[in-house]
Amino acid sequence: IIVDEEGKEYFFTLDKVEGYQGQTVQALR
């Protein structure tokens, strides 16, 4: 979940993240 500058929440999936290739969140830091 992302919160924008106005406080609105947006759900996202990791496949929408630039450069994501299946790594764990911990590995990506």
PDB file of all heavy atoms in Angstrom:
ATOM      1  N   ILE A   1       0.856  -1.180   0.000  1.00  0.00           N
ATOM      2  CA  ILE A   1       0.000   0.000   0.000  1.00  0.00           C
ATOM      3  C   ILE A   1       0.893   1.231   0.000  1.00  0.00           C
ATOM      4  O   ILE A   1       1.857   1.311   0.758  1.00  0.00           O
ATOM      5  CB  ILE A   1      -0.928   0.024   1.229  1.00  0.00           C
ATOM      6  CG1 ILE A   1      -1.876  -1.180   1.183  1.00  0.00           C
ATOM      7  CG2 ILE A   1      -1.719   1.334   1.292  1.00  0.00           C
ATOM      8  CD1 ILE A   1      -2.719  -1.351   2.416  1.00  0.00           C
ATOM      9  N   ILE A   2       0.561   2.175  -0.873  1.00  0.00           N
ATOM     10  CA  ILE A   2       1.254   3.457  -0.962  1.00  0.00           C
ATOM     11  C   ILE A   2       0.310   4.526  -0.424  1.00  0.00           C
ATOM     12  O   ILE A   2      -0.886   4.484  -0.682  1.00  0.00           O
ATOM     13  CB  ILE A   2       1.609   3.787  -2.424  1.00  0.00           C
ATOM     14  CG1 ILE A   2       2.629   2.792  -2.975  1.00  0.00           C
ATOM     15  CG2 ILE A   2       2.138   5.220  -2.545  1.00  0.00           C
ATOM     16  CD1 ILE A   2       2.835   2.911  -4.475  1.00  0.00           C
ATOM     17  N   VAL A   3       0.869   5.502   0.300  1.00  0.00           N
ATOM     18  CA  VAL A   3       0.103   6.676   0.727  1.00  0.00           C
ATOM     19  C   VAL A   3       0.671   7.872  -0.013  1.00  0.00           C
ATOM     20  O   VAL A   3       1.885   8.099  -0.003  1.00  0.00           O
ATOM     21  CB  VAL A   3       0.202   6.888   2.254  1.00  0.00           C
ATOM     22  CG1 VAL A   3      -0.514   8.167   2.661  1.00  0.00           C
ATOM     23  CG2 VAL A   3      -0.360   5.702   3.002  1.00  0.00           C
ATOM     24  N   ASP A   4      -0.220   8.633  -0.674  1.00  0.00           N
ATOM     25  CA  ASP A   4       0.253   9.797  -1.419  1.00  0.00           C
ATOM     26  C   ASP A   4       0.358  11.021  -0.508  1.00  0.00           C
ATOM     27  O   ASP A   4       0.098  10.941   0.692  1.00  0.00           O
ATOM     28  CB  ASP A   4      -0.618  10.068  -2.651  1.00  0.00           C
ATOM     29  CG  ASP A   4      -2.013  10.589  -2.335  1.00  0.00           C
ATOM     30  OD1 ASP A   4      -2.310  10.892  -1.163  1.00  0.00           O
ATOM     31  OD2 ASP A   4      -2.820  10.697  -3.282  1.00  0.00           O
ATOM     32  N   GLU A   5       0.716  12.145  -1.091  1.00  0.00           N
ATOM     33  CA  GLU A   5       0.933  13.385  -0.334  1.00  0.00           C
ATOM     34  C   GLU A   5      -0.341  13.908   0.318  1.00  0.00           C
ATOM     35  O   GLU A   5      -0.278  14.700   1.245  1.00  0.00           O
ATOM     36  CB  GLU A   5       1.530  14.450  -1.249  1.00  0.00           C
ATOM     37  CG  GLU A   5       2.917  14.078  -1.742  1.00  0.00           C
ATOM     38  CD  GLU A   5       3.443  15.025  -2.797  1.00  0.00           C
ATOM     39  OE1 GLU A   5       2.789  15.166  -3.846  1.00  0.00           O
ATOM     40  OE2 GLU A   5       4.514  15.612  -2.554  1.00  0.00           O
ATOM     41  N   GLU A   6      -1.494  13.466  -0.163  1.00  0.00           N
ATOM     42  CA  GLU A   6      -2.772  13.904   0.399  1.00  0.00           C
ATOM     43  C   GLU A   6      -3.314  12.916   1.430  1.00  0.00           C
ATOM     44  O   GLU A   6      -4.390  13.111   1.980  1.00  0.00           O
ATOM     45  CB  GLU A   6      -3.783  14.094  -0.729  1.00  0.00           C
ATOM     46  CG  GLU A   6      -3.357  15.159  -1.713  1.00  0.00           C
ATOM     47  CD  GLU A   6      -4.178  15.145  -2.993  1.00  0.00           C
ATOM     48  OE1 GLU A   6      -5.017  14.244  -3.171  1.00  0.00           O
ATOM     49  OE2 GLU A   6      -3.958  16.039  -3.817  1.00  0.00           O
ATOM     50  N   GLY A   7      -2.587  11.818   1.658  1.00  0.00           N
ATOM     51  CA  GLY A   7      -3.017  10.818   2.627  1.00  0.00           C
ATOM     52  C   GLY A   7      -3.908   9.727   2.057  1.00  0.00           C
ATOM     53  O   GLY A   7      -4.388   8.871   2.788  1.00  0.00           O
ATOM     54  N   LYS A   8      -4.107   9.729   0.752  1.00  0.00           N
ATOM     55  CA  LYS A   8      -4.933   8.699   0.110  1.00  0.00           C
ATOM     56  C   LYS A   8      -4.107   7.425  -0.092  1.00  0.00           C
ATOM     57  O   LYS A   8      -2.945   7.492  -0.484  1.00  0.00           O
ATOM     58  CB  LYS A   8      -5.456   9.200  -1.235  1.00  0.00           C
ATOM     59  CG  LYS A   8      -6.425   8.254  -1.879  1.00  0.00           C
ATOM     60  CD  LYS A   8      -7.053   8.863  -3.108  1.00  0.00           C
ATOM     61  CE  LYS A   8      -8.017   7.845  -3.738  1.00  0.00           C
ATOM     62  NZ  LYS A   8      -8.596   8.364  -4.965  1.00  0.00           N
ATOM     63  N   GLU A   9      -4.723   6.258   0.183  1.00  0.00           N
ATOM     64  CA  GLU A   9      -4.036   4.981   0.054  1.00  0.00           C
ATOM     65  C   GLU A   9      -4.300   4.347  -1.301  1.00  0.00           C
ATOM     66  O   GLU A   9      -5.406   4.427  -1.826  1.00  0.00           O
ATOM     67  CB  GLU A   9      -4.495   4.024   1.158  1.00  0.00           C
ATOM     68  CG  GLU A   9      -4.076   4.456   2.537  1.00  0.00           C
ATOM     69  CD  GLU A   9      -4.456   3.446   3.604  1.00  0.00           C
ATOM     70  OE1 GLU A   9      -5.208   2.484   3.321  1.00  0.00           O
ATOM     71  OE2 GLU A   9      -3.986   3.625   4.738  1.00  0.00           O
ATOM     72  N   TYR A  10      -3.255   3.696  -1.825  1.00  0.00           N
ATOM     73  CA  TYR A  10      -3.342   2.994  -3.103  1.00  0.00           C
ATOM     74  C   TYR A  10      -2.740   1.608  -2.949  1.00  0.00           C
ATOM     75  O   TYR A  10      -1.601   1.459  -2.531  1.00  0.00           O
ATOM     76  CB  TYR A  10      -2.561   3.740  -4.196  1.00  0.00           C
ATOM     77  CG  TYR A  10      -3.109   5.101  -4.507  1.00  0.00           C
ATOM     78  CD1 TYR A  10      -2.676   6.218  -3.808  1.00  0.00           C
ATOM     79  CD2 TYR A  10      -4.068   5.264  -5.502  1.00  0.00           C
ATOM     80  CE1 TYR A  10      -3.187   7.475  -4.089  1.00  0.00           C
ATOM     81  CE2 TYR A  10      -4.574   6.525  -5.792  1.00  0.00           C
ATOM     82  CZ  TYR A  10      -4.136   7.613  -5.088  1.00  0.00           C
ATOM     83  OH  TYR A  10      -4.647   8.855  -5.369  1.00  0.00           O
ATOM     84  N   PHE A  11      -3.493   0.581  -3.315  1.00  0.00           N
ATOM     85  CA  PHE A  11      -3.028  -0.801  -3.323  1.00  0.00           C
ATOM     86  C   PHE A  11      -2.181  -1.006  -4.574  1.00  0.00           C
ATOM     87  O   PHE A  11      -2.513  -0.504  -5.638  1.00  0.00           O
ATOM     88  CB  PHE A  11      -4.249  -1.735  -3.352  1.00  0.00           C
ATOM     89  CG  PHE A  11      -3.906  -3.189  -3.460  1.00  0.00           C
ATOM     90  CD1 PHE A  11      -3.614  -3.924  -2.327  1.00  0.00           C
ATOM     91  CD2 PHE A  11      -3.879  -3.819  -4.692  1.00  0.00           C
ATOM     92  CE1 PHE A  11      -3.302  -5.269  -2.419  1.00  0.00           C
ATOM     93  CE2 PHE A  11      -3.566  -5.157  -4.800  1.00  0.00           C
ATOM     94  CZ  PHE A  11      -3.273  -5.890  -3.661  1.00  0.00           C
ATOM     95  N   PHE A  12      -1.066  -1.750  -4.442  1.00  0.00           N
ATOM     96  CA  PHE A  12      -0.271  -2.077  -5.623  1.00  0.00           C
ATOM     97  C   PHE A  12       0.275  -3.489  -5.500  1.00  0.00           C
ATOM     98  O   PHE A  12       0.389  -4.031  -4.408  1.00  0.00           O
ATOM     99  CB  PHE A  12       0.877  -1.070  -5.829  1.00  0.00           C
ATOM    100  CG  PHE A  12       2.002  -1.187  -4.832  1.00  0.00           C
ATOM    101  CD1 PHE A  12       3.172  -1.865  -5.153  1.00  0.00           C
ATOM    102  CD2 PHE A  12       1.898  -0.616  -3.574  1.00  0.00           C
ATOM    103  CE1 PHE A  12       4.212  -1.973  -4.239  1.00  0.00           C
ATOM    104  CE2 PHE A  12       2.936  -0.709  -2.648  1.00  0.00           C
ATOM    105  CZ  PHE A  12       4.094  -1.390  -2.993  1.00  0.00           C
ATOM    106  N   THR A  13       0.592  -4.079  -6.629  1.00  0.00           N
ATOM    107  CA  THR A  13       1.241  -5.385  -6.643  1.00  0.00           C
ATOM    108  C   THR A  13       2.698  -5.186  -7.037  1.00  0.00           C
ATOM    109  O   THR A  13       3.039  -4.245  -7.762  1.00  0.00           O
ATOM    110  CB  THR A  13       0.538  -6.341  -7.619  1.00  0.00           C
ATOM    111  OG1 THR A  13       0.477  -5.734  -8.906  1.00  0.00           O
ATOM    112  CG2 THR A  13      -0.873  -6.676  -7.129  1.00  0.00           C
ATOM    113  N   LEU A  14       3.564  -6.068  -6.554  1.00  0.00           N
ATOM    114  CA  LEU A  14       5.001  -5.897  -6.768  1.00  0.00           C
ATOM    115  C   LEU A  14       5.387  -5.956  -8.245  1.00  0.00           C
ATOM    116  O   LEU A  14       6.403  -5.383  -8.633  1.00  0.00           O
ATOM    117  CB  LEU A  14       5.787  -6.931  -5.969  1.00  0.00           C
ATOM    118  CG  LEU A  14       5.663  -6.819  -4.444  1.00  0.00           C
ATOM    119  CD1 LEU A  14       6.548  -7.847  -3.758  1.00  0.00           C
ATOM    120  CD2 LEU A  14       6.004  -5.424  -3.946  1.00  0.00           C
ATOM    121  N   ASP A  15       4.591  -6.613  -9.078  1.00  0.00           N
ATOM    122  CA  ASP A  15       4.917  -6.662 -10.503  1.00  0.00           C
ATOM    123  C   ASP A  15       4.835  -5.288 -11.170  1.00  0.00           C
ATOM    124  O   ASP A  15       5.343  -5.109 -12.277  1.00  0.00           O
ATOM    125  CB  ASP A  15       4.034  -7.668 -11.242  1.00  0.00           C
ATOM    126  CG  ASP A  15       2.561  -7.306 -11.230  1.00  0.00           C
ATOM    127  OD1 ASP A  15       2.061  -6.805 -10.206  1.00  0.00           O
ATOM    128  OD2 ASP A  15       1.905  -7.528 -12.268  1.00  0.00           O
ATOM    129  N   LYS A  16       4.256  -4.303 -10.499  1.00  0.00           N
ATOM    130  CA  LYS A  16       4.179  -2.932 -11.039  1.00  0.00           C
ATOM    131  C   LYS A  16       5.421  -2.109 -10.694  1.00  0.00           C
ATOM    132  O   LYS A  16       5.588  -0.997 -11.182  1.00  0.00           O
ATOM    133  CB  LYS A  16       2.949  -2.203 -10.481  1.00  0.00           C
ATOM    134  CG  LYS A  16       1.638  -2.887 -10.787  1.00  0.00           C
ATOM    135  CD  LYS A  16       1.357  -2.910 -12.258  1.00  0.00           C
ATOM    136  CE  LYS A  16      -0.017  -3.505 -12.515  1.00  0.00           C
ATOM    137  NZ  LYS A  16      -0.161  -4.025 -13.837  1.00  0.00           N
ATOM    138  N   VAL A  17       6.305  -2.660  -9.849  1.00  0.00           N
ATOM    139  CA  VAL A  17       7.496  -1.931  -9.397  1.00  0.00           C
ATOM    140  C   VAL A  17       8.618  -2.073 -10.418  1.00  0.00           C
ATOM    141  O   VAL A  17       8.977  -3.192 -10.822  1.00  0.00           O
ATOM    142  CB  VAL A  17       7.969  -2.423  -8.014  1.00  0.00           C
ATOM    143  CG1 VAL A  17       9.227  -1.679  -7.575  1.00  0.00           C
ATOM    144  CG2 VAL A  17       6.864  -2.259  -6.978  1.00  0.00           C
ATOM    145  N   GLU A  18       9.155  -0.930 -10.815  1.00  0.00           N
ATOM    146  CA  GLU A  18      10.261  -0.888 -11.774  1.00  0.00           C
ATOM    147  C   GLU A  18      11.441  -1.720 -11.253  1.00  0.00           C
ATOM    148  O   GLU A  18      11.898  -1.534 -10.128  1.00  0.00           O
ATOM    149  CB  GLU A  18      10.683   0.571 -11.945  1.00  0.00           C
ATOM    150  CG  GLU A  18      11.789   0.806 -12.929  1.00  0.00           C
ATOM    151  CD  GLU A  18      12.129   2.283 -13.026  1.00  0.00           C
ATOM    152  OE1 GLU A  18      11.249   3.065 -13.438  1.00  0.00           O
ATOM    153  OE2 GLU A  18      13.258   2.650 -12.660  1.00  0.00           O
ATOM    154  N   GLY A  19      11.925  -2.650 -12.070  1.00  0.00           N
ATOM    155  CA  GLY A  19      13.100  -3.447 -11.721  1.00  0.00           C
ATOM    156  C   GLY A  19      12.813  -4.690 -10.892  1.00  0.00           C
ATOM    157  O   GLY A  19      13.721  -5.477 -10.627  1.00  0.00           O
ATOM    158  N   TYR A  20      11.577  -4.906 -10.492  1.00  0.00           N
ATOM    159  CA  TYR A  20      11.239  -6.080  -9.671  1.00  0.00           C
ATOM    160  C   TYR A  20      11.299  -7.346 -10.520  1.00  0.00           C
ATOM    161  O   TYR A  20      10.728  -7.405 -11.592  1.00  0.00           O
ATOM    162  CB  TYR A  20       9.844  -5.926  -9.066  1.00  0.00           C
ATOM    163  CG  TYR A  20       9.415  -7.123  -8.255  1.00  0.00           C
ATOM    164  CD1 TYR A  20      10.006  -7.394  -7.032  1.00  0.00           C
ATOM    165  CD2 TYR A  20       8.436  -7.985  -8.726  1.00  0.00           C
ATOM    166  CE1 TYR A  20       9.626  -8.503  -6.282  1.00  0.00           C
ATOM    167  CE2 TYR A  20       8.046  -9.089  -7.988  1.00  0.00           C
ATOM    168  CZ  TYR A  20       8.646  -9.341  -6.772  1.00  0.00           C
ATOM    169  OH  TYR A  20       8.266 -10.431  -6.039  1.00  0.00           O
ATOM    170  N   GLN A  21      12.019  -8.372  -9.997  1.00  0.00           N
ATOM    171  CA  GLN A  21      12.177  -9.622 -10.736  1.00  0.00           C
ATOM    172  C   GLN A  21      11.942 -10.831  -9.828  1.00  0.00           C
ATOM    173  O   GLN A  21      12.599 -11.853  -9.980  1.00  0.00           O
ATOM    174  CB  GLN A  21      13.559  -9.698 -11.366  1.00  0.00           C
ATOM    175  CG  GLN A  21      13.797  -8.606 -12.382  1.00  0.00           C
ATOM    176  CD  GLN A  21      15.194  -8.647 -12.964  1.00  0.00           C
ATOM    177  OE1 GLN A  21      16.144  -9.122 -12.336  1.00  0.00           O
ATOM    178  NE2 GLN A  21      15.340  -8.139 -14.172  1.00  0.00           N
ATOM    179  N   GLY A  22      11.032 -10.708  -8.876  1.00  0.00           N
ATOM    180  CA  GLY A  22      10.694 -11.837  -8.025  1.00  0.00           C
ATOM    181  C   GLY A  22      11.494 -11.951  -6.742  1.00  0.00           C
ATOM    182  O   GLY A  22      11.310 -12.903  -5.982  1.00  0.00           O
ATOM    183  N   GLN A  23      12.367 -10.987  -6.469  1.00  0.00           N
ATOM    184  CA  GLN A  23      13.150 -11.013  -5.246  1.00  0.00           C
ATOM    185  C   GLN A  23      12.241 -10.808  -4.033  1.00  0.00           C
ATOM    186  O   GLN A  23      11.147 -10.296  -4.148  1.00  0.00           O
ATOM    187  CB  GLN A  23      14.209  -9.897  -5.238  1.00  0.00           C
ATOM    188  CG  GLN A  23      15.073  -9.804  -6.454  1.00  0.00           C
ATOM    189  CD  GLN A  23      14.543  -8.835  -7.496  1.00  0.00           C
ATOM    190  OE1 GLN A  23      13.366  -8.821  -7.831  1.00  0.00           O
ATOM    191  NE2 GLN A  23      15.435  -8.020  -8.045  1.00  0.00           N
ATOM    192  N   THR A  24      12.745 -11.179  -2.851  1.00  0.00           N
ATOM    193  CA  THR A  24      11.995 -10.895  -1.631  1.00  0.00           C
ATOM    194  C   THR A  24      12.129  -9.413  -1.307  1.00  0.00           C
ATOM    195  O   THR A  24      13.083  -8.744  -1.723  1.00  0.00           O
ATOM    196  CB  THR A  24      12.517 -11.696  -0.423  1.00  0.00           C
ATOM    197  OG1 THR A  24      13.851 -11.269  -0.126  1.00  0.00           O
ATOM    198  CG2 THR A  24      12.478 -13.196  -0.684  1.00  0.00           C
ATOM    199  N   VAL A  25      11.169  -8.915  -0.558  1.00  0.00           N
ATOM    200  CA  VAL A  25      11.194  -7.522  -0.128  1.00  0.00           C
ATOM    201  C   VAL A  25      12.448  -7.260   0.706  1.00  0.00           C
ATOM    202  O   VAL A  25      13.099  -6.221   0.564  1.00  0.00           O
ATOM    203  CB  VAL A  25       9.906  -7.181   0.659  1.00  0.00           C
ATOM    204  CG1 VAL A  25       9.991  -5.813   1.284  1.00  0.00           C
ATOM    205  CG2 VAL A  25       8.692  -7.293  -0.244  1.00  0.00           C
ATOM    206  N   GLN A  26      12.828  -8.217   1.552  1.00  0.00           N
ATOM    207  CA  GLN A  26      14.027  -8.055   2.381  1.00  0.00           C
ATOM    208  C   GLN A  26      15.288  -7.947   1.525  1.00  0.00           C
ATOM    209  O   GLN A  26      16.163  -7.137   1.806  1.00  0.00           O
ATOM    210  CB  GLN A  26      14.169  -9.222   3.375  1.00  0.00           C
ATOM    211  CG  GLN A  26      13.191  -9.184   4.495  1.00  0.00           C
ATOM    212  CD  GLN A  26      11.832  -9.798   4.118  1.00  0.00           C
ATOM    213  OE1 GLN A  26      11.674 -10.395   3.056  1.00  0.00           O
ATOM    214  NE2 GLN A  26      10.854  -9.629   4.973  1.00  0.00           N
ATOM    215  N   ALA A  27      15.380  -8.757   0.483  1.00  0.00           N
ATOM    216  CA  ALA A  27      16.553  -8.708  -0.399  1.00  0.00           C
ATOM    217  C   ALA A  27      16.659  -7.356  -1.104  1.00  0.00           C
ATOM    218  O   ALA A  27      17.751  -6.856  -1.347  1.00  0.00           O
ATOM    219  CB  ALA A  27      16.501  -9.842  -1.418  1.00  0.00           C
ATOM    220  N   LEU A  28      15.511  -6.779  -1.424  1.00  0.00           N
ATOM    221  CA  LEU A  28      15.490  -5.484  -2.105  1.00  0.00           C
ATOM    222  C   LEU A  28      15.651  -4.312  -1.139  1.00  0.00           C
ATOM    223  O   LEU A  28      15.861  -3.181  -1.558  1.00  0.00           O
ATOM    224  CB  LEU A  28      14.176  -5.327  -2.872  1.00  0.00           C
ATOM    225  CG  LEU A  28      14.016  -6.301  -4.025  1.00  0.00           C
ATOM    226  CD1 LEU A  28      12.571  -6.323  -4.498  1.00  0.00           C
ATOM    227  CD2 LEU A  28      14.942  -5.949  -5.166  1.00  0.00           C
ATOM    228  N   ARG A  29      15.522  -4.608   0.159  1.00  0.00           N
ATOM    229  CA  ARG A  29      15.627  -3.598   1.216  1.00  0.00           C
ATOM    230  C   ARG A  29      14.539  -2.534   1.124  1.00  0.00           C
ATOM    231  O   ARG A  29      14.751  -1.379   1.457  1.00  0.00           O
ATOM    232  CB  ARG A  29      17.014  -2.965   1.242  1.00  0.00           C
ATOM    233  CG  ARG A  29      18.089  -3.947   1.567  1.00  0.00           C
ATOM    234  CD  ARG A  29      19.427  -3.287   1.661  1.00  0.00           C
ATOM    235  NE  ARG A  29      20.404  -4.273   2.098  1.00  0.00           N
ATOM    236  CZ  ARG A  29      21.614  -3.980   2.446  1.00  0.00           C
ATOM    237  NH1 ARG A  29      22.032  -2.744   2.386  1.00  0.00           N
ATOM    238  NH2 ARG A  29      22.435  -4.922   2.846  1.00  0.00           N
TER     239      ARG A  29
END
